[in-house]
C-alpha atoms as a PDB file:
ATOM      1  CA  UNK A   1      36.529  33.205  37.716  1.00  0.00           C
ATOM      2  CA  UNK A   2      32.895  32.756  36.607  1.00  0.00           C
ATOM      3  CA  UNK A   3      33.572  34.396  33.256  1.00  0.00           C
ATOM      4  CA  UNK A   4      36.681  32.229  32.783  1.00  0.00           C
ATOM      5  CA  UNK A   5      34.717  29.042  33.518  1.00  0.00           C
ATOM      6  CA  UNK A   6      31.948  30.144  31.174  1.00  0.00           C
ATOM      7  CA  UNK A   7      34.449  30.684  28.372  1.00  0.00           C
ATOM      8  CA  UNK A   8      35.992  27.257  28.975  1.00  0.00           C
ATOM      9  CA  UNK A   9      32.528  25.706  28.942  1.00  0.00           C
ATOM     10  CA  UNK A  10      31.607  27.426  25.691  1.00  0.00           C
ATOM     11  CA  UNK A  11      34.900  26.386  24.059  1.00  0.00           C
ATOM     12  CA  UNK A  12      34.359  22.808  25.256  1.00  0.00           C
ATOM     13  CA  UNK A  13      30.837  22.709  23.830  1.00  0.00           C
ATOM     14  CA  UNK A  14      32.013  24.108  20.487  1.00  0.00           C
ATOM     15  CA  UNK A  15      34.878  21.599  20.285  1.00  0.00           C
ATOM     16  CA  UNK A  16      32.491  18.745  21.151  1.00  0.00           C
ATOM     17  CA  UNK A  17      30.051  19.815  18.439  1.00  0.00           C
ATOM     18  CA  UNK A  18      32.860  20.045  15.882  1.00  0.00           C
ATOM     19  CA  UNK A  19      34.083  16.573  16.873  1.00  0.00           C
ATOM     20  CA  UNK A  20      30.569  15.120  16.563  1.00  0.00           C
ATOM     21  CA  UNK A  21      30.153  16.771  13.142  1.00  0.00           C
ATOM     22  CA  UNK A  22      33.498  15.348  11.951  1.00  0.00           C
ATOM     23  CA  UNK A  23      32.656  11.853  13.215  1.00  0.00           C
ATOM     24  CA  UNK A  24      29.234  11.946  11.547  1.00  0.00           C
ATOM     25  CA  UNK A  25      30.790  12.912   8.217  1.00  0.00           C
ATOM     26  CA  UNK A  26      33.386  10.160   8.529  1.00  0.00           C
ATOM     27  CA  UNK A  27      30.655   7.494   8.667  1.00  0.00           C
ATOM     28  CA  UNK A  28      30.334   6.352   5.072  1.00  0.00           C
ATOM     29  CA  UNK A  29      28.950   2.823   5.391  1.00  0.00           C
ATOM     30  CA  UNK A  30      25.270   2.041   4.767  1.00  0.00           C
ATOM     31  CA  UNK A  31      23.299  -1.189   5.059  1.00  0.00           C
ATOM     32  CA  UNK A  32      21.635  -0.699   1.652  1.00  0.00           C
ATOM     33  CA  UNK A  33      24.660   0.149  -0.480  1.00  0.00           C
ATOM     34  CA  UNK A  34      28.421   0.349  -0.924  1.00  0.00           C
ATOM     35  CA  UNK A  35      30.281   3.624  -1.298  1.00  0.00           C
ATOM     36  CA  UNK A  36      31.474   4.359  -4.850  1.00  0.00           C
ATOM     37  CA  UNK A  37      35.011   5.613  -4.299  1.00  0.00           C
ATOM     38  CA  UNK A  38      36.232   6.223  -7.836  1.00  0.00           C
ATOM     39  CA  UNK A  39      34.043   8.767  -9.599  1.00  0.00           C
ATOM     40  CA  UNK A  40      34.771  11.563 -12.054  1.00  0.00           C
ATOM     41  CA  UNK A  41      35.642  14.919 -10.402  1.00  0.00           C
ATOM     42  CA  UNK A  42      32.731  16.557 -12.233  1.00  0.00           C
ATOM     43  CA  UNK A  43      30.312  14.085 -10.652  1.00  0.00           C
ATOM     44  CA  UNK A  44      31.787  14.827  -7.214  1.00  0.00           C
ATOM     45  CA  UNK A  45      31.103  18.531  -7.771  1.00  0.00           C
ATOM     46  CA  UNK A  46      27.614  17.714  -9.048  1.00  0.00           C
ATOM     47  CA  UNK A  47      26.737  16.049  -5.730  1.00  0.00           C
ATOM     48  CA  UNK A  48      27.166  19.463  -4.083  1.00  0.00           C
ATOM     49  CA  UNK A  49      26.001  21.685  -6.957  1.00  0.00           C
ATOM     50  CA  UNK A  50      22.698  19.751  -7.123  1.00  0.00           C
ATOM     51  CA  UNK A  51      21.989  18.979  -3.454  1.00  0.00           C
ATOM     52  CA  UNK A  52      18.563  17.391  -3.993  1.00  0.00           C
ATOM     53  CA  UNK A  53      16.713  15.321  -6.596  1.00  0.00           C
ATOM     54  CA  UNK A  54      14.516  18.141  -7.850  1.00  0.00           C
ATOM     55  CA  UNK A  55      17.590  20.109  -8.947  1.00  0.00           C
ATOM     56  CA  UNK A  56      19.208  17.113 -10.669  1.00  0.00           C
ATOM     57  CA  UNK A  57      16.304  15.460 -12.518  1.00  0.00           C
ATOM     58  CA  UNK A  58      16.377  14.973 -16.284  1.00  0.00           C
ATOM     59  CA  UNK A  59      13.501  13.560 -18.306  1.00  0.00           C
ATOM     60  CA  UNK A  60      13.268  10.978 -21.089  1.00  0.00           C
ATOM     61  CA  UNK A  61      10.231  10.515 -23.312  1.00  0.00           C
ATOM     62  CA  UNK A  62      10.241   6.947 -24.664  1.00  0.00           C
ATOM     63  CA  UNK A  63       7.954   5.281 -27.195  1.00  0.00           C
ATOM     64  CA  UNK A  64       8.034   1.459 -27.174  1.00  0.00           C
ATOM     65  CA  UNK A  65       6.929  -0.582 -30.195  1.00  0.00           C
ATOM     66  CA  UNK A  66       4.145  -2.579 -28.571  1.00  0.00           C
ATOM     67  CA  UNK A  67       3.125  -5.089 -31.264  1.00  0.00           C
ATOM     68  CA  UNK A  68       5.323  -7.969 -30.016  1.00  0.00           C
ATOM     69  CA  UNK A  69       4.657  -7.045 -26.391  1.00  0.00           C
ATOM     70  CA  UNK A  70       0.873  -7.252 -26.737  1.00  0.00           C
ATOM     71  CA  UNK A  71       1.109 -10.429 -28.815  1.00  0.00           C
ATOM     72  CA  UNK A  72       3.324 -12.068 -26.171  1.00  0.00           C
ATOM     73  CA  UNK A  73       0.883 -11.249 -23.360  1.00  0.00           C
ATOM     74  CA  UNK A  74      -2.068 -12.477 -25.447  1.00  0.00           C
ATOM     75  CA  UNK A  75      -0.225 -15.666 -26.415  1.00  0.00           C
ATOM     76  CA  UNK A  76       0.135 -16.557 -22.730  1.00  0.00           C
ATOM     77  CA  UNK A  77      -3.615 -16.238 -22.127  1.00  0.00           C
ATOM     78  CA  UNK A  78      -3.429 -13.458 -19.564  1.00  0.00           C
ATOM     79  CA  UNK A  79      -1.105 -15.420 -17.262  1.00  0.00           C
ATOM     80  CA  UNK A  80       0.714 -12.150 -16.692  1.00  0.00           C
ATOM     81  CA  UNK A  81       0.315  -8.518 -17.671  1.00  0.00           C
ATOM     82  CA  UNK A  82       2.463  -5.845 -19.291  1.00  0.00           C
ATOM     83  CA  UNK A  83       3.299  -4.685 -15.763  1.00  0.00           C
ATOM     84  CA  UNK A  84       5.100  -7.960 -15.031  1.00  0.00           C
ATOM     85  CA  UNK A  85       7.237  -7.532 -18.144  1.00  0.00           C
ATOM     86  CA  UNK A  86       8.000  -3.916 -17.203  1.00  0.00           C
ATOM     87  CA  UNK A  87       9.382  -5.082 -13.850  1.00  0.00           C
ATOM     88  CA  UNK A  88      11.402  -7.856 -15.528  1.00  0.00           C
ATOM     89  CA  UNK A  89      12.768  -5.376 -18.073  1.00  0.00           C
ATOM     90  CA  UNK A  90      13.833  -3.097 -15.213  1.00  0.00           C
ATOM     91  CA  UNK A  91      15.645  -5.992 -13.530  1.00  0.00           C
ATOM     92  CA  UNK A  92      17.545  -6.942 -16.691  1.00  0.00           C
ATOM     93  CA  UNK A  93      18.460  -3.332 -17.512  1.00  0.00           C
ATOM     94  CA  UNK A  94      19.783  -2.604 -14.012  1.00  0.00           C
ATOM     95  CA  UNK A  95      21.734  -5.861 -13.839  1.00  0.00           C
ATOM     96  CA  UNK A  96      23.302  -5.202 -17.247  1.00  0.00           C
ATOM     97  CA  UNK A  97      24.083  -1.587 -16.386  1.00  0.00           C
ATOM     98  CA  UNK A  98      24.928  -1.522 -12.639  1.00  0.00           C
ATOM     99  CA  UNK A  99      25.939   2.144 -12.814  1.00  0.00           C
ATOM    100  CA  UNK A 100      22.206   2.865 -13.104  1.00  0.00           C
ATOM    101  CA  UNK A 101      21.683   1.067  -9.788  1.00  0.00           C
ATOM    102  CA  UNK A 102      23.418   3.802  -7.836  1.00  0.00           C
ATOM    103  CA  UNK A 103      21.908   6.386  -5.514  1.00  0.00           C
ATOM    104  CA  UNK A 104      22.958   9.603  -3.783  1.00  0.00           C
ATOM    105  CA  UNK A 105      22.986  10.129  -0.036  1.00  0.00           C
ATOM    106  CA  UNK A 106      24.860  12.602   2.142  1.00  0.00           C
ATOM    107  CA  UNK A 107      26.623  14.136  -0.897  1.00  0.00           C
ATOM    108  CA  UNK A 108      28.088  10.725  -1.691  1.00  0.00           C
ATOM    109  CA  UNK A 109      27.419   8.107  -4.341  1.00  0.00           C
ATOM    110  CA  UNK A 110      26.527   4.510  -3.458  1.00  0.00           C
ATOM    111  CA  UNK A 111      26.012   1.290  -5.405  1.00  0.00           C
ATOM    112  CA  UNK A 112      22.832  -0.359  -4.155  1.00  0.00           C
ATOM    113  CA  UNK A 113      22.964  -3.852  -2.679  1.00  0.00           C
ATOM    114  CA  UNK A 114      20.769  -5.839  -5.065  1.00  0.00           C
ATOM    115  CA  UNK A 115      18.166  -4.675  -7.563  1.00  0.00           C
ATOM    116  CA  UNK A 116      14.977  -3.401  -5.935  1.00  0.00           C
ATOM    117  CA  UNK A 117      11.916  -2.248  -7.863  1.00  0.00           C
ATOM    118  CA  UNK A 118       8.777  -0.696  -6.394  1.00  0.00           C
ATOM    119  CA  UNK A 119       5.490  -0.222  -8.183  1.00  0.00           C
ATOM    120  CA  UNK A 120       2.187   1.289  -7.199  1.00  0.00           C
ATOM    121  CA  UNK A 121      -0.861  -0.825  -6.387  1.00  0.00           C
ATOM    122  CA  UNK A 122      -4.373   0.628  -6.233  1.00  0.00           C
ATOM    123  CA  UNK A 123      -6.630  -1.398  -3.944  1.00  0.00           C
ATOM    124  CA  UNK A 124      -9.793  -0.744  -5.967  1.00  0.00           C
ATOM    125  CA  UNK A 125      -9.589   0.755  -9.456  1.00  0.00           C
ATOM    126  CA  UNK A 126     -13.265   1.759  -9.301  1.00  0.00           C
ATOM    127  CA  UNK A 127     -13.008   3.595  -5.981  1.00  0.00           C
ATOM    128  CA  UNK A 128     -11.326   7.004  -6.127  1.00  0.00           C
ATOM    129  CA  UNK A 129     -10.767   6.994  -2.367  1.00  0.00           C
ATOM    130  CA  UNK A 130      -9.185   3.535  -2.152  1.00  0.00           C
ATOM    131  CA  UNK A 131      -5.613   3.315  -0.921  1.00  0.00           C
ATOM    132  CA  UNK A 132      -2.528   3.426  -3.122  1.00  0.00           C
ATOM    133  CA  UNK A 133       0.568   1.649  -1.849  1.00  0.00           C
ATOM    134  CA  UNK A 134       4.058   0.690  -3.004  1.00  0.00           C
ATOM    135  CA  UNK A 135       4.911  -2.970  -3.508  1.00  0.00           C
ATOM    136  CA  UNK A 136       8.692  -3.309  -3.207  1.00  0.00           C
ATOM    137  CA  UNK A 137      10.473  -6.359  -4.627  1.00  0.00           C
ATOM    138  CA  UNK A 138      14.060  -7.518  -4.237  1.00  0.00           C
ATOM    139  CA  UNK A 139      14.596  -8.653  -7.830  1.00  0.00           C
ATOM    140  CA  UNK A 140      17.951 -10.263  -7.020  1.00  0.00           C
ATOM    141  CA  UNK A 141      16.002 -13.137  -5.435  1.00  0.00           C
ATOM    142  CA  UNK A 142      14.147 -14.079  -8.625  1.00  0.00           C
ATOM    143  CA  UNK A 143      15.979 -16.180 -11.186  1.00  0.00           C
ATOM    144  CA  UNK A 144      12.996 -16.850 -13.473  1.00  0.00           C
ATOM    145  CA  UNK A 145      10.152 -14.763 -14.823  1.00  0.00           C
ATOM    146  CA  UNK A 146       7.599 -17.279 -13.496  1.00  0.00           C
ATOM    147  CA  UNK A 147       8.920 -16.825  -9.950  1.00  0.00           C
ATOM    148  CA  UNK A 148       8.556 -13.069 -10.327  1.00  0.00           C
ATOM    149  CA  UNK A 149       4.978 -13.386 -11.619  1.00  0.00           C
ATOM    150  CA  UNK A 150       3.994 -15.524  -8.625  1.00  0.00           C
ATOM    151  CA  UNK A 151       5.496 -12.987  -6.214  1.00  0.00           C
ATOM    152  CA  UNK A 152       3.756 -10.059  -7.917  1.00  0.00           C
ATOM    153  CA  UNK A 153       0.443 -11.918  -7.913  1.00  0.00           C
ATOM    154  CA  UNK A 154       0.781 -12.688  -4.200  1.00  0.00           C
ATOM    155  CA  UNK A 155       1.935  -9.174  -3.339  1.00  0.00           C
ATOM    156  CA  UNK A 156      -0.885  -7.462  -5.237  1.00  0.00           C
ATOM    157  CA  UNK A 157      -3.435  -9.815  -3.661  1.00  0.00           C
ATOM    158  CA  UNK A 158      -2.107  -8.963  -0.199  1.00  0.00           C
ATOM    159  CA  UNK A 159      -2.121  -5.203  -0.832  1.00  0.00           C
ATOM    160  CA  UNK A 160      -5.719  -5.368  -2.105  1.00  0.00           C
ATOM    161  CA  UNK A 161      -6.931  -7.531   0.772  1.00  0.00           C
ATOM    162  CA  UNK A 162      -8.366  -6.291   4.065  1.00  0.00           C
ATOM    163  CA  UNK A 163      -5.211  -7.418   5.867  1.00  0.00           C
ATOM    164  CA  UNK A 164      -3.159  -4.551   7.285  1.00  0.00           C
ATOM    165  CA  UNK A 165       0.235  -4.481   5.547  1.00  0.00           C
ATOM    166  CA  UNK A 166       3.496  -2.828   6.629  1.00  0.00           C
ATOM    167  CA  UNK A 167       2.794   0.241   4.477  1.00  0.00           C
ATOM    168  CA  UNK A 168      -0.736   0.479   5.946  1.00  0.00           C
ATOM    169  CA  UNK A 169       0.661   0.502   9.476  1.00  0.00           C
ATOM    170  CA  UNK A 170       3.355   3.028   8.545  1.00  0.00           C
ATOM    171  CA  UNK A 171       0.905   5.403   6.839  1.00  0.00           C
ATOM    172  CA  UNK A 172      -1.689   5.065   9.605  1.00  0.00           C
ATOM    173  CA  UNK A 173       0.847   5.824  12.315  1.00  0.00           C
ATOM    174  CA  UNK A 174       2.422   8.883  10.712  1.00  0.00           C
ATOM    175  CA  UNK A 175      -0.864  10.326   9.422  1.00  0.00           C
ATOM    176  CA  UNK A 176      -2.291  10.120  12.948  1.00  0.00           C
ATOM    177  CA  UNK A 177       0.419  12.410  14.298  1.00  0.00           C
ATOM    178  CA  UNK A 178      -0.232  16.156  14.525  1.00  0.00           C
ATOM    179  CA  UNK A 179       1.867  18.316  12.213  1.00  0.00           C
ATOM    180  CA  UNK A 180       3.983  19.794  15.010  1.00  0.00           C
ATOM    181  CA  UNK A 181       5.120  16.262  15.923  1.00  0.00           C
ATOM    182  CA  UNK A 182       5.316  14.703  12.454  1.00  0.00           C
ATOM    183  CA  UNK A 183       7.389  17.590  11.028  1.00  0.00           C
ATOM    184  CA  UNK A 184      10.310  17.232  13.482  1.00  0.00           C
ATOM    185  CA  UNK A 185      10.189  13.410  13.223  1.00  0.00           C
ATOM    186  CA  UNK A 186      10.444  13.612   9.421  1.00  0.00           C
ATOM    187  CA  UNK A 187      13.340  16.083   9.612  1.00  0.00           C
ATOM    188  CA  UNK A 188      15.124  13.905  12.164  1.00  0.00           C
ATOM    189  CA  UNK A 189      14.697  10.780  10.005  1.00  0.00           C
ATOM    190  CA  UNK A 190      16.002  12.684   6.956  1.00  0.00           C
ATOM    191  CA  UNK A 191      19.006  13.862   8.978  1.00  0.00           C
ATOM    192  CA  UNK A 192      19.724  10.328  10.201  1.00  0.00           C
ATOM    193  CA  UNK A 193      19.534   9.068   6.611  1.00  0.00           C
ATOM    194  CA  UNK A 194      21.899  11.829   5.457  1.00  0.00           C
ATOM    195  CA  UNK A 195      24.477  10.623   7.983  1.00  0.00           C
ATOM    196  CA  UNK A 196      23.790   6.905   7.323  1.00  0.00           C
ATOM    197  CA  UNK A 197      22.291   6.309  10.768  1.00  0.00           C
ATOM    198  CA  UNK A 198      18.824   5.010   9.854  1.00  0.00           C
ATOM    199  CA  UNK A 199      18.212   1.399  10.985  1.00  0.00           C
ATOM    200  CA  UNK A 200      18.271  -1.347   8.357  1.00  0.00           C
ATOM    201  CA  UNK A 201      14.537  -2.088   8.551  1.00  0.00           C
ATOM    202  CA  UNK A 202      13.805   1.414   7.251  1.00  0.00           C
ATOM    203  CA  UNK A 203      15.655   0.640   4.026  1.00  0.00           C
ATOM    204  CA  UNK A 204      14.320  -2.910   3.789  1.00  0.00           C
ATOM    205  CA  UNK A 205      10.607  -2.140   3.993  1.00  0.00           C
ATOM    206  CA  UNK A 206      10.177   1.390   2.655  1.00  0.00           C
ATOM    207  CA  UNK A 207       9.167   1.430  -1.024  1.00  0.00           C
ATOM    208  CA  UNK A 208      10.997   4.712  -1.669  1.00  0.00           C
ATOM    209  CA  UNK A 209      14.416   3.228  -0.828  1.00  0.00           C
ATOM    210  CA  UNK A 210      14.573   1.448  -4.164  1.00  0.00           C
ATOM    211  CA  UNK A 211      16.359   1.274  -7.533  1.00  0.00           C
ATOM    212  CA  UNK A 212      13.327   2.108  -9.658  1.00  0.00           C
ATOM    213  CA  UNK A 213       9.664   3.034  -9.224  1.00  0.00           C
ATOM    214  CA  UNK A 214       7.159   2.075 -11.919  1.00  0.00           C
ATOM    215  CA  UNK A 215       3.591   3.312 -12.050  1.00  0.00           C
ATOM    216  CA  UNK A 216       1.268   2.043 -14.767  1.00  0.00           C
ATOM    217  CA  UNK A 217      -1.392   4.557 -15.768  1.00  0.00           C
ATOM    218  CA  UNK A 218      -2.237   2.290 -18.689  1.00  0.00           C
ATOM    219  CA  UNK A 219      -4.399   0.254 -16.317  1.00  0.00           C
ATOM    220  CA  UNK A 220      -6.467   3.436 -15.878  1.00  0.00           C
ATOM    221  CA  UNK A 221      -6.524   4.091 -19.649  1.00  0.00           C
ATOM    222  CA  UNK A 222      -4.447   7.237 -19.138  1.00  0.00           C
ATOM    223  CA  UNK A 223      -1.465   8.824 -20.830  1.00  0.00           C
ATOM    224  CA  UNK A 224       1.766   9.109 -18.796  1.00  0.00           C
ATOM    225  CA  UNK A 225       3.115  12.278 -17.241  1.00  0.00           C
ATOM    226  CA  UNK A 226       6.568  13.303 -16.062  1.00  0.00           C
ATOM    227  CA  UNK A 227       6.741  12.395 -12.379  1.00  0.00           C
ATOM    228  CA  UNK A 228       8.932  14.061  -9.794  1.00  0.00           C
ATOM    229  CA  UNK A 229      11.562  12.148  -7.807  1.00  0.00           C
ATOM    230  CA  UNK A 230      10.812  11.867  -4.104  1.00  0.00           C
ATOM    231  CA  UNK A 231      13.116  13.648  -1.667  1.00  0.00           C
ATOM    232  CA  UNK A 232      12.397  11.012   0.965  1.00  0.00           C
ATOM    233  CA  UNK A 233      14.139   7.719   0.247  1.00  0.00           C
ATOM    234  CA  UNK A 234      16.858   7.383  -2.376  1.00  0.00           C
ATOM    235  CA  UNK A 235      15.132   6.301  -5.598  1.00  0.00           C
ATOM    236  CA  UNK A 236      16.925   7.854  -8.621  1.00  0.00           C
ATOM    237  CA  UNK A 237      14.597   6.647 -11.421  1.00  0.00           C
ATOM    238  CA  UNK A 238      10.821   6.922 -11.856  1.00  0.00           C
ATOM    239  CA  UNK A 239       9.041   5.421 -14.886  1.00  0.00           C
ATOM    240  CA  UNK A 240       5.442   6.404 -15.600  1.00  0.00           C
ATOM    241  CA  UNK A 241       3.771   4.140 -18.176  1.00  0.00           C
ATOM    242  CA  UNK A 242       0.689   5.014 -20.207  1.00  0.00           C
ATOM    243  CA  UNK A 243      -1.850   3.048 -22.218  1.00  0.00           C
ATOM    244  CA  UNK A 244      -0.950   1.388 -25.519  1.00  0.00           C
ATOM    245  CA  UNK A 245      -1.885   3.803 -28.293  1.00  0.00           C
ATOM    246  CA  UNK A 246      -1.845   4.246 -32.051  1.00  0.00           C
ATOM    247  CA  UNK A 247       1.035   6.462 -33.133  1.00  0.00           C
ATOM    248  CA  UNK A 248       1.709   7.944 -36.557  1.00  0.00           C
ATOM    249  CA  UNK A 249       5.281   7.095 -37.603  1.00  0.00           C
ATOM    250  CA  UNK A 250       7.276   8.053 -40.697  1.00  0.00           C
ATOM    251  CA  UNK A 251       9.086   5.003 -42.104  1.00  0.00           C
ATOM    252  CA  UNK A 252      11.035   4.995 -45.384  1.00  0.00           C
ATOM    253  CA  UNK A 253       9.243   8.122 -46.524  1.00  0.00           C
ATOM    254  CA  UNK A 254       5.821   6.642 -45.790  1.00  0.00           C
ATOM    255  CA  UNK A 255       3.377   7.333 -42.998  1.00  0.00           C
ATOM    256  CA  UNK A 256       2.357   4.304 -40.934  1.00  0.00           C
ATOM    257  CA  UNK A 257       0.330   3.724 -37.790  1.00  0.00           C
ATOM    258  CA  UNK A 258       1.960   1.589 -35.090  1.00  0.00           C
ATOM    259  CA  UNK A 259       0.919   0.399 -31.658  1.00  0.00           C
ATOM    260  CA  UNK A 260       3.225   2.024 -29.114  1.00  0.00           C
ATOM    261  CA  UNK A 261       3.615   2.061 -25.346  1.00  0.00           C
ATOM    262  CA  UNK A 262       4.535   5.558 -24.069  1.00  0.00           C
ATOM    263  CA  UNK A 263       6.858   5.767 -21.062  1.00  0.00           C
ATOM    264  CA  UNK A 264       8.144   8.925 -19.412  1.00  0.00           C
ATOM    265  CA  UNK A 265      11.195   8.543 -17.211  1.00  0.00           C
ATOM    266  CA  UNK A 266      12.599  10.874 -14.543  1.00  0.00           C
ATOM    267  CA  UNK A 267      16.295  10.297 -13.852  1.00  0.00           C
ATOM    268  CA  UNK A 268      18.719  11.641 -11.245  1.00  0.00           C
ATOM    269  CA  UNK A 269      21.713  12.680 -13.347  1.00  0.00           C
ATOM    270  CA  UNK A 270      24.030  12.647 -10.335  1.00  0.00           C
ATOM    271  CA  UNK A 271      24.265   8.833 -10.430  1.00  0.00           C
ATOM    272  CA  UNK A 272      25.628   8.672 -14.002  1.00  0.00           C
ATOM    273  CA  UNK A 273      25.948  10.559 -17.271  1.00  0.00           C
ATOM    274  CA  UNK A 274      23.808  10.483 -20.386  1.00  0.00           C
ATOM    275  CA  UNK A 275      25.898   7.897 -22.259  1.00  0.00           C
ATOM    276  CA  UNK A 276      25.574   5.254 -19.533  1.00  0.00           C
ATOM    277  CA  UNK A 277      21.894   6.107 -19.124  1.00  0.00           C
ATOM    278  CA  UNK A 278      21.500   5.494 -22.850  1.00  0.00           C
ATOM    279  CA  UNK A 279      22.858   1.926 -22.575  1.00  0.00           C
ATOM    280  CA  UNK A 280      20.599   1.121 -19.628  1.00  0.00           C
ATOM    281  CA  UNK A 281      17.571   2.601 -21.366  1.00  0.00           C
ATOM    282  CA  UNK A 282      18.301   0.729 -24.598  1.00  0.00           C
ATOM    283  CA  UNK A 283      18.343  -2.588 -22.727  1.00  0.00           C
ATOM    284  CA  UNK A 284      15.045  -1.712 -21.010  1.00  0.00           C
ATOM    285  CA  UNK A 285      13.469  -0.885 -24.388  1.00  0.00           C
ATOM    286  CA  UNK A 286      14.871  -4.004 -26.062  1.00  0.00           C
ATOM    287  CA  UNK A 287      13.328  -6.310 -23.442  1.00  0.00           C
ATOM    288  CA  UNK A 288       9.924  -4.676 -23.904  1.00  0.00           C
ATOM    289  CA  UNK A 289      10.091  -4.730 -27.703  1.00  0.00           C
ATOM    290  CA  UNK A 290      11.406  -8.315 -27.873  1.00  0.00           C
ATOM    291  CA  UNK A 291      10.024 -10.082 -24.781  1.00  0.00           C
ATOM    292  CA  UNK A 292      10.316 -13.615 -26.190  1.00  0.00           C
ATOM    293  CA  UNK A 293      14.108 -13.245 -26.381  1.00  0.00           C
ATOM    294  CA  UNK A 294      14.355 -12.484 -22.658  1.00  0.00           C
ATOM    295  CA  UNK A 295      11.498 -14.507 -21.163  1.00  0.00           C
ATOM    296  CA  UNK A 296      11.613 -18.277 -21.456  1.00  0.00           C
ATOM    297  CA  UNK A 297       8.507 -20.145 -20.333  1.00  0.00           C
END
């Protein structure tokens, strides 16, 4: 009798676990995106063949003609920087090519609700130990470039102030936890995200749940590198920008020197193919090379 009951109990537990697993996999809705239902069979296979961002990252090395860009910034008497235009270019490119505003989660493809761009802010450029944080912006809220500039100015000022921001509180809390506690919490949060069970405020505030991350090493007078894509969050594109430099270019059989802005982009190929990525990238480049056509003061 005892053995029979034990077998029934074991079977019941197994059936319950299978039911829970099925129900978890049936949950497809997320608060930060809409499920993309019609995708090419190859892309469906790719979501399983490349289960994480490190296995699906491709890299683009881009050189932007910077003459008009620098002249435009100078013409406006330092009212904004190249960084502001980079963010605006990202907004325009993602709005014109919404396929690039997708992300992968739980072996599924989603179209993000709105265009969100995060960029890094260093509190003190002269202090090596000063904090670095992500400033995340919902670009869908900004209709004009001036509105965006005001928001960036306010956000940067807040991040560089002594006031404790959301990211400060988040980093302080998790870094204070011992490894044996933080490790399981991180794995649990990743599992909840995989099954679309993370609460909305996680997606809203965290700078790694975003359409695009931009980091500007030009402000540090550095050349750009190829950056990895973070496994935490769901950001599929990372753009690392370097300093404006002189570049030797062959034009009509002659050698010329041009001012260029180097950008290196890491891209999750699971969200779309190379042809679509090309159109999105071309729009991004065009805004940077011809800012006056896209920014009306």
